[in-house]
C-alpha atoms as a PDB file:
ATOM      1  CA  UNK A   1      35.918 102.550  96.210  1.00  0.00           C
ATOM      2  CA  UNK A   2      36.905 105.264  94.297  1.00  0.00           C
ATOM      3  CA  UNK A   3      40.542 106.086  93.087  1.00  0.00           C
ATOM      4  CA  UNK A   4      41.738 109.399  92.571  1.00  0.00           C
ATOM      5  CA  UNK A   5      44.846 109.261  89.631  1.00  0.00           C
ATOM      6  CA  UNK A   6      46.838 113.134  88.646  1.00  0.00           C
ATOM      7  CA  UNK A   7      48.649 112.791  85.593  1.00  0.00           C
ATOM      8  CA  UNK A   8      51.184 115.114  84.350  1.00  0.00           C
ATOM      9  CA  UNK A   9      51.874 116.224  80.969  1.00  0.00           C
ATOM     10  CA  UNK A  10      56.053 116.000  80.606  1.00  0.00           C
ATOM     11  CA  UNK A  11      58.270 115.954  77.706  1.00  0.00           C
ATOM     12  CA  UNK A  12      59.186 112.828  76.631  1.00  0.00           C
ATOM     13  CA  UNK A  13      62.050 110.326  78.682  1.00  0.00           C
ATOM     14  CA  UNK A  14      63.567 109.873  75.267  1.00  0.00           C
ATOM     15  CA  UNK A  15      63.604 113.548  74.268  1.00  0.00           C
ATOM     16  CA  UNK A  16      66.915 115.694  75.182  1.00  0.00           C
ATOM     17  CA  UNK A  17      65.747 118.299  76.818  1.00  0.00           C
ATOM     18  CA  UNK A  18      66.742 121.710  75.230  1.00  0.00           C
ATOM     19  CA  UNK A  19      67.366 125.125  77.372  1.00  0.00           C
ATOM     20  CA  UNK A  20      66.023 128.657  75.606  1.00  0.00           C
ATOM     21  CA  UNK A  21      68.550 130.698  74.381  1.00  0.00           C
ATOM     22  CA  UNK A  22      67.638 133.663  76.722  1.00  0.00           C
ATOM     23  CA  UNK A  23      67.673 131.021  79.518  1.00  0.00           C
ATOM     24  CA  UNK A  24      64.361 131.732  80.779  1.00  0.00           C
ATOM     25  CA  UNK A  25      63.036 128.430  80.700  1.00  0.00           C
ATOM     26  CA  UNK A  26      63.019 125.017  78.546  1.00  0.00           C
ATOM     27  CA  UNK A  27      61.948 124.997  75.322  1.00  0.00           C
ATOM     28  CA  UNK A  28      58.916 122.612  74.513  1.00  0.00           C
ATOM     29  CA  UNK A  29      57.755 124.006  70.857  1.00  0.00           C
ATOM     30  CA  UNK A  30      57.664 120.964  68.408  1.00  0.00           C
ATOM     31  CA  UNK A  31      58.893 118.558  71.276  1.00  0.00           C
ATOM     32  CA  UNK A  32      57.064 115.179  71.830  1.00  0.00           C
ATOM     33  CA  UNK A  33      55.175 115.744  74.961  1.00  0.00           C
ATOM     34  CA  UNK A  34      53.843 112.302  76.946  1.00  0.00           C
ATOM     35  CA  UNK A  35      52.523 111.490  80.267  1.00  0.00           C
ATOM     36  CA  UNK A  36      54.746 111.363  83.012  1.00  0.00           C
ATOM     37  CA  UNK A  37      56.314 107.750  84.298  1.00  0.00           C
ATOM     38  CA  UNK A  38      55.483 107.735  87.557  1.00  0.00           C
ATOM     39  CA  UNK A  39      52.123 108.809  86.854  1.00  0.00           C
ATOM     40  CA  UNK A  40      52.003 106.006  84.000  1.00  0.00           C
ATOM     41  CA  UNK A  41      53.121 103.333  86.964  1.00  0.00           C
ATOM     42  CA  UNK A  42      50.092 104.820  89.019  1.00  0.00           C
ATOM     43  CA  UNK A  43      47.306 104.413  87.017  1.00  0.00           C
ATOM     44  CA  UNK A  44      48.421 101.144  86.034  1.00  0.00           C
ATOM     45  CA  UNK A  45      48.183 100.353  90.011  1.00  0.00           C
ATOM     46  CA  UNK A  46      45.191 101.606  90.058  1.00  0.00           C
ATOM     47  CA  UNK A  47      43.820  99.441  86.882  1.00  0.00           C
ATOM     48  CA  UNK A  48      44.785  96.703  88.534  1.00  0.00           C
ATOM     49  CA  UNK A  49      43.278  97.327  91.909  1.00  0.00           C
ATOM     50  CA  UNK A  50      40.009  97.537  89.653  1.00  0.00           C
ATOM     51  CA  UNK A  51      40.434  94.355  87.743  1.00  0.00           C
ATOM     52  CA  UNK A  52      41.223  92.491  91.385  1.00  0.00           C
ATOM     53  CA  UNK A  53      37.559  94.151  92.516  1.00  0.00           C
ATOM     54  CA  UNK A  54      38.829  96.537  94.871  1.00  0.00           C
ATOM     55  CA  UNK A  55      38.297  99.579  93.018  1.00  0.00           C
ATOM     56  CA  UNK A  56      35.353 100.783  91.423  1.00  0.00           C
ATOM     57  CA  UNK A  57      36.223 103.826  89.659  1.00  0.00           C
ATOM     58  CA  UNK A  58      39.093 105.652  88.662  1.00  0.00           C
ATOM     59  CA  UNK A  59      39.360 108.859  87.681  1.00  0.00           C
ATOM     60  CA  UNK A  60      42.091 110.777  86.087  1.00  0.00           C
ATOM     61  CA  UNK A  61      42.801 114.411  86.955  1.00  0.00           C
ATOM     62  CA  UNK A  62      45.346 116.881  85.079  1.00  0.00           C
ATOM     63  CA  UNK A  63      46.336 120.418  85.386  1.00  0.00           C
ATOM     64  CA  UNK A  64      47.598 121.630  82.217  1.00  0.00           C
ATOM     65  CA  UNK A  65      47.087 123.161  78.927  1.00  0.00           C
ATOM     66  CA  UNK A  66      44.040 121.702  76.571  1.00  0.00           C
ATOM     67  CA  UNK A  67      47.045 119.316  75.097  1.00  0.00           C
ATOM     68  CA  UNK A  68      46.908 117.555  78.515  1.00  0.00           C
ATOM     69  CA  UNK A  69      43.482 115.943  77.080  1.00  0.00           C
ATOM     70  CA  UNK A  70      45.853 113.691  75.214  1.00  0.00           C
ATOM     71  CA  UNK A  71      47.412 112.364  78.624  1.00  0.00           C
ATOM     72  CA  UNK A  72      44.454 112.117  80.177  1.00  0.00           C
ATOM     73  CA  UNK A  73      43.389 110.119  77.020  1.00  0.00           C
ATOM     74  CA  UNK A  74      46.012 107.559  77.633  1.00  0.00           C
ATOM     75  CA  UNK A  75      45.341 107.038  81.277  1.00  0.00           C
ATOM     76  CA  UNK A  76      41.758 106.228  79.862  1.00  0.00           C
ATOM     77  CA  UNK A  77      42.692 103.834  77.310  1.00  0.00           C
ATOM     78  CA  UNK A  78      44.565 101.867  79.775  1.00  0.00           C
ATOM     79  CA  UNK A  79      41.795 101.315  82.086  1.00  0.00           C
ATOM     80  CA  UNK A  80      40.462 104.697  83.970  1.00  0.00           C
ATOM     81  CA  UNK A  81      36.756 105.249  83.541  1.00  0.00           C
ATOM     82  CA  UNK A  82      36.721 109.483  83.354  1.00  0.00           C
ATOM     83  CA  UNK A  83      39.061 112.421  83.311  1.00  0.00           C
ATOM     84  CA  UNK A  84      39.223 115.998  84.887  1.00  0.00           C
ATOM     85  CA  UNK A  85      41.207 118.799  83.353  1.00  0.00           C
ATOM     86  CA  UNK A  86      41.870 122.002  85.219  1.00  0.00           C
ATOM     87  CA  UNK A  87      43.004 123.752  82.323  1.00  0.00           C
ATOM     88  CA  UNK A  88      46.153 126.257  82.530  1.00  0.00           C
ATOM     89  CA  UNK A  89      48.602 127.613  80.429  1.00  0.00           C
ATOM     90  CA  UNK A  90      50.480 128.754  83.506  1.00  0.00           C
ATOM     91  CA  UNK A  91      53.563 126.181  84.835  1.00  0.00           C
ATOM     92  CA  UNK A  92      51.955 125.550  88.739  1.00  0.00           C
ATOM     93  CA  UNK A  93      54.553 125.410  91.360  1.00  0.00           C
ATOM     94  CA  UNK A  94      53.501 122.021  93.764  1.00  0.00           C
ATOM     95  CA  UNK A  95      52.105 124.035  96.078  1.00  0.00           C
ATOM     96  CA  UNK A  96      49.358 125.351  94.013  1.00  0.00           C
ATOM     97  CA  UNK A  97      48.719 121.750  92.460  1.00  0.00           C
ATOM     98  CA  UNK A  98      48.366 120.360  95.760  1.00  0.00           C
ATOM     99  CA  UNK A  99      45.823 122.969  96.597  1.00  0.00           C
ATOM    100  CA  UNK A 100      43.912 122.504  93.481  1.00  0.00           C
ATOM    101  CA  UNK A 101      43.924 118.394  94.014  1.00  0.00           C
ATOM    102  CA  UNK A 102      43.031 119.063  97.528  1.00  0.00           C
ATOM    103  CA  UNK A 103      39.763 120.908  95.947  1.00  0.00           C
ATOM    104  CA  UNK A 104      39.091 117.632  93.410  1.00  0.00           C
ATOM    105  CA  UNK A 105      39.199 115.382  95.896  1.00  0.00           C
ATOM    106  CA  UNK A 106      36.767 117.532  98.110  1.00  0.00           C
ATOM    107  CA  UNK A 107      34.435 117.097  94.923  1.00  0.00           C
ATOM    108  CA  UNK A 108      34.896 113.687  93.755  1.00  0.00           C
ATOM    109  CA  UNK A 109      35.627 111.949  97.573  1.00  0.00           C
ATOM    110  CA  UNK A 110      38.171 109.267  96.968  1.00  0.00           C
ATOM    111  CA  UNK A 111      38.846 106.954  99.306  1.00  0.00           C
ATOM    112  CA  UNK A 112      42.371 107.006  97.690  1.00  0.00           C
ATOM    113  CA  UNK A 113      44.510 109.273  95.730  1.00  0.00           C
ATOM    114  CA  UNK A 114      47.195 106.829  94.071  1.00  0.00           C
ATOM    115  CA  UNK A 115      49.825 109.496  92.046  1.00  0.00           C
ATOM    116  CA  UNK A 116      53.740 109.474  91.123  1.00  0.00           C
ATOM    117  CA  UNK A 117      56.216 110.099  93.654  1.00  0.00           C
ATOM    118  CA  UNK A 118      57.673 112.902  90.930  1.00  0.00           C
ATOM    119  CA  UNK A 119      57.283 113.977  87.686  1.00  0.00           C
ATOM    120  CA  UNK A 120      60.462 114.086  85.201  1.00  0.00           C
ATOM    121  CA  UNK A 121      60.335 117.712  84.733  1.00  0.00           C
ATOM    122  CA  UNK A 122      60.602 119.712  88.021  1.00  0.00           C
ATOM    123  CA  UNK A 123      61.711 116.700  90.200  1.00  0.00           C
ATOM    124  CA  UNK A 124      60.274 118.030  93.217  1.00  0.00           C
ATOM    125  CA  UNK A 125      58.963 115.445  94.899  1.00  0.00           C
ATOM    126  CA  UNK A 126      56.596 117.756  96.809  1.00  0.00           C
ATOM    127  CA  UNK A 127      52.820 117.144  95.509  1.00  0.00           C
ATOM    128  CA  UNK A 128      51.731 114.006  97.310  1.00  0.00           C
ATOM    129  CA  UNK A 129      53.233 115.256 100.669  1.00  0.00           C
ATOM    130  CA  UNK A 130      51.879 118.894 100.338  1.00  0.00           C
ATOM    131  CA  UNK A 131      48.481 117.733  99.650  1.00  0.00           C
ATOM    132  CA  UNK A 132      48.309 114.961 102.331  1.00  0.00           C
ATOM    133  CA  UNK A 133      49.178 118.044 104.631  1.00  0.00           C
ATOM    134  CA  UNK A 134      46.408 120.206 103.443  1.00  0.00           C
ATOM    135  CA  UNK A 135      44.072 117.077 103.637  1.00  0.00           C
ATOM    136  CA  UNK A 136      45.182 116.093 106.885  1.00  0.00           C
ATOM    137  CA  UNK A 137      45.337 112.493 105.448  1.00  0.00           C
ATOM    138  CA  UNK A 138      48.087 109.760 106.420  1.00  0.00           C
ATOM    139  CA  UNK A 139      50.600 109.196 103.584  1.00  0.00           C
ATOM    140  CA  UNK A 140      52.987 106.176 102.202  1.00  0.00           C
ATOM    141  CA  UNK A 141      55.680 107.794  99.741  1.00  0.00           C
ATOM    142  CA  UNK A 142      57.862 106.012  97.243  1.00  0.00           C
ATOM    143  CA  UNK A 143      55.599 102.352  97.067  1.00  0.00           C
ATOM    144  CA  UNK A 144      56.570  99.594  95.539  1.00  0.00           C
ATOM    145  CA  UNK A 145      54.106  97.678  96.826  1.00  0.00           C
ATOM    146  CA  UNK A 146      50.139  98.090  97.740  1.00  0.00           C
ATOM    147  CA  UNK A 147      47.820  95.898  99.175  1.00  0.00           C
ATOM    148  CA  UNK A 148      44.103  97.397  99.920  1.00  0.00           C
ATOM    149  CA  UNK A 149      42.162  95.563 102.630  1.00  0.00           C
ATOM    150  CA  UNK A 150      39.723  96.300 105.219  1.00  0.00           C
ATOM    151  CA  UNK A 151      39.559  99.635 105.074  1.00  0.00           C
ATOM    152  CA  UNK A 152      43.529  99.946 105.366  1.00  0.00           C
ATOM    153  CA  UNK A 153      46.143 100.176 102.482  1.00  0.00           C
ATOM    154  CA  UNK A 154      49.138  98.219 103.434  1.00  0.00           C
ATOM    155  CA  UNK A 155      52.343  99.832 101.764  1.00  0.00           C
ATOM    156  CA  UNK A 156      55.908  98.654 100.529  1.00  0.00           C
ATOM    157  CA  UNK A 157      58.109 101.579 100.198  1.00  0.00           C
ATOM    158  CA  UNK A 158      61.592 101.877  99.573  1.00  0.00           C
ATOM    159  CA  UNK A 159      64.149 103.773 101.632  1.00  0.00           C
ATOM    160  CA  UNK A 160      67.616 103.890 101.744  1.00  0.00           C
ATOM    161  CA  UNK A 161      68.034 100.484 104.059  1.00  0.00           C
ATOM    162  CA  UNK A 162      65.596  98.669 102.049  1.00  0.00           C
ATOM    163  CA  UNK A 163      61.960  98.370 102.259  1.00  0.00           C
ATOM    164  CA  UNK A 164      59.676  99.391 104.818  1.00  0.00           C
ATOM    165  CA  UNK A 165      56.068  98.318 105.394  1.00  0.00           C
ATOM    166  CA  UNK A 166      53.151 101.192 106.329  1.00  0.00           C
ATOM    167  CA  UNK A 167      49.651 100.436 107.346  1.00  0.00           C
ATOM    168  CA  UNK A 168      47.894 103.415 106.983  1.00  0.00           C
ATOM    169  CA  UNK A 169      43.917 103.994 107.103  1.00  0.00           C
ATOM    170  CA  UNK A 170      41.786 105.349 104.213  1.00  0.00           C
ATOM    171  CA  UNK A 171      41.202 108.007 102.607  1.00  0.00           C
ATOM    172  CA  UNK A 172      44.845 108.353 102.128  1.00  0.00           C
ATOM    173  CA  UNK A 173      47.516 109.295  99.484  1.00  0.00           C
ATOM    174  CA  UNK A 174      50.090 106.743  97.941  1.00  0.00           C
ATOM    175  CA  UNK A 175      52.925 107.635  95.755  1.00  0.00           C
ATOM    176  CA  UNK A 176      54.004 105.362  93.651  1.00  0.00           C
ATOM    177  CA  UNK A 177      57.879 104.409  92.840  1.00  0.00           C
ATOM    178  CA  UNK A 178      59.324 102.826  89.836  1.00  0.00           C
ATOM    179  CA  UNK A 179      59.313  99.416  90.690  1.00  0.00           C
ATOM    180  CA  UNK A 180      55.685  99.156  91.610  1.00  0.00           C
ATOM    181  CA  UNK A 181      54.957  97.688  88.305  1.00  0.00           C
ATOM    182  CA  UNK A 182      55.259  97.474  84.824  1.00  0.00           C
ATOM    183  CA  UNK A 183      52.600  99.646  82.806  1.00  0.00           C
ATOM    184  CA  UNK A 184      50.479  98.248  80.281  1.00  0.00           C
ATOM    185  CA  UNK A 185      50.379  99.343  76.651  1.00  0.00           C
ATOM    186  CA  UNK A 186      46.983 100.295  75.716  1.00  0.00           C
ATOM    187  CA  UNK A 187      45.475  97.911  73.214  1.00  0.00           C
ATOM    188  CA  UNK A 188      43.513  99.755  69.753  1.00  0.00           C
ATOM    189  CA  UNK A 189      40.451  99.066  70.973  1.00  0.00           C
ATOM    190  CA  UNK A 190      40.763 100.769  74.602  1.00  0.00           C
ATOM    191  CA  UNK A 191      42.368 103.427  72.666  1.00  0.00           C
ATOM    192  CA  UNK A 192      39.106 103.862  70.340  1.00  0.00           C
ATOM    193  CA  UNK A 193      37.205 103.150  73.530  1.00  0.00           C
ATOM    194  CA  UNK A 194      38.982 106.064  75.275  1.00  0.00           C
ATOM    195  CA  UNK A 195      37.897 108.631  72.803  1.00  0.00           C
ATOM    196  CA  UNK A 196      34.226 108.096  74.249  1.00  0.00           C
ATOM    197  CA  UNK A 197      34.607 108.290  77.803  1.00  0.00           C
ATOM    198  CA  UNK A 198      33.995 111.604  79.697  1.00  0.00           C
ATOM    199  CA  UNK A 199      36.515 114.276  80.074  1.00  0.00           C
ATOM    200  CA  UNK A 200      35.143 117.429  82.131  1.00  0.00           C
ATOM    201  CA  UNK A 201      37.494 120.381  81.655  1.00  0.00           C
ATOM    202  CA  UNK A 202      37.569 123.217  84.234  1.00  0.00           C
ATOM    203  CA  UNK A 203      39.729 125.912  85.239  1.00  0.00           C
ATOM    204  CA  UNK A 204      41.584 127.164  87.991  1.00  0.00           C
ATOM    205  CA  UNK A 205      39.042 129.617  88.685  1.00  0.00           C
ATOM    206  CA  UNK A 206      36.420 127.083  89.062  1.00  0.00           C
ATOM    207  CA  UNK A 207      38.222 125.949  92.387  1.00  0.00           C
ATOM    208  CA  UNK A 208      38.903 129.402  94.058  1.00  0.00           C
ATOM    209  CA  UNK A 209      42.404 128.631  94.971  1.00  0.00           C
ATOM    210  CA  UNK A 210      45.356 130.725  95.179  1.00  0.00           C
ATOM    211  CA  UNK A 211      47.811 129.703  92.290  1.00  0.00           C
ATOM    212  CA  UNK A 212      49.983 132.581  92.571  1.00  0.00           C
ATOM    213  CA  UNK A 213      53.827 131.388  91.947  1.00  0.00           C
ATOM    214  CA  UNK A 214      55.803 132.238  95.227  1.00  0.00           C
ATOM    215  CA  UNK A 215      59.107 131.359  93.576  1.00  0.00           C
ATOM    216  CA  UNK A 216      60.839 133.302  90.949  1.00  0.00           C
ATOM    217  CA  UNK A 217      62.971 131.635  87.924  1.00  0.00           C
ATOM    218  CA  UNK A 218      66.177 133.668  87.681  1.00  0.00           C
ATOM    219  CA  UNK A 219      67.823 131.245  85.244  1.00  0.00           C
ATOM    220  CA  UNK A 220      67.855 127.843  83.334  1.00  0.00           C
ATOM    221  CA  UNK A 221      71.270 126.932  82.223  1.00  0.00           C
ATOM    222  CA  UNK A 222      72.662 123.240  80.762  1.00  0.00           C
ATOM    223  CA  UNK A 223      74.934 120.954  83.160  1.00  0.00           C
ATOM    224  CA  UNK A 224      78.222 121.586  82.276  1.00  0.00           C
ATOM    225  CA  UNK A 225      79.326 119.574  79.592  1.00  0.00           C
ATOM    226  CA  UNK A 226      82.161 116.732  80.916  1.00  0.00           C
ATOM    227  CA  UNK A 227      85.927 116.781  79.831  1.00  0.00           C
ATOM    228  CA  UNK A 228      86.683 114.193  77.962  1.00  0.00           C
ATOM    229  CA  UNK A 229      88.972 111.312  79.904  1.00  0.00           C
ATOM    230  CA  UNK A 230      92.583 109.800  78.951  1.00  0.00           C
ATOM    231  CA  UNK A 231      93.455 105.991  79.151  1.00  0.00           C
ATOM    232  CA  UNK A 232      95.950 104.528  81.543  1.00  0.00           C
ATOM    233  CA  UNK A 233      98.735 101.535  80.878  1.00  0.00           C
ATOM    234  CA  UNK A 234      99.202 100.665  84.473  1.00  0.00           C
ATOM    235  CA  UNK A 235      97.528 100.684  88.252  1.00  0.00           C
ATOM    236  CA  UNK A 236     100.344 102.586  88.698  1.00  0.00           C
ATOM    237  CA  UNK A 237      99.599 105.250  86.261  1.00  0.00           C
ATOM    238  CA  UNK A 238      95.911 105.346  87.209  1.00  0.00           C
ATOM    239  CA  UNK A 239      97.004 105.783  91.023  1.00  0.00           C
ATOM    240  CA  UNK A 240      99.451 108.803  89.878  1.00  0.00           C
ATOM    241  CA  UNK A 241      96.575 110.407  87.918  1.00  0.00           C
ATOM    242  CA  UNK A 242      94.082 110.013  90.991  1.00  0.00           C
ATOM    243  CA  UNK A 243      97.106 111.503  93.281  1.00  0.00           C
ATOM    244  CA  UNK A 244      97.384 114.533  90.635  1.00  0.00           C
ATOM    245  CA  UNK A 245      93.401 115.222  90.590  1.00  0.00           C
ATOM    246  CA  UNK A 246      93.448 114.729  94.604  1.00  0.00           C
ATOM    247  CA  UNK A 247      91.500 112.003  94.770  1.00  0.00           C
ATOM    248  CA  UNK A 248      94.401 110.147  96.861  1.00  0.00           C
END
């Protein structure tokens, strides 16, 4: 079984995001970039499926600038077999990404697309669902457990009321949630091996997909800074302050 794992290059989650002075976007100059944490979880789950003998090949695909090859190399060091980079310097919207991934699926014919539920930069949580709709495939989002057997995927997903278990026929789209697993650290030998694994570099034009933006960013601003708090001496004083604030 071939598994396709989309991975995204984002600002490292430990870095404080800065807005550009002209408020046109986020400042990426001299900022540490890394693989989106949810994509990393998806790669780990795909590698575990391969270790169980369920998956036979793992293909990591990324859409982004040339530097996104580093993100693919990370996936290769974790255990993916080969990579595909669709090179573009544009910040594509989820619909454009879903269309490109659909074209990759048409070429690669995977039985499972395993991807992060969302990226921590845009936080859209939309690409997996859009891709499933475009392909006409079943989807199981927010997966906290995945089991593959007899041409079906049994997925436990996290919902507001607890846990829900779905069974979907393959091929299918599964998006990974935070508690699906804990990604491994790539060992030095695997990092060295990853340098020899193939990465095919393509462009958006190779797939004949319309990636024109549908949205226009008017302004990007930082969230307002929180005001300082105060200490109270007693419960009665706390109640009084809450009444003043209109909470009670």
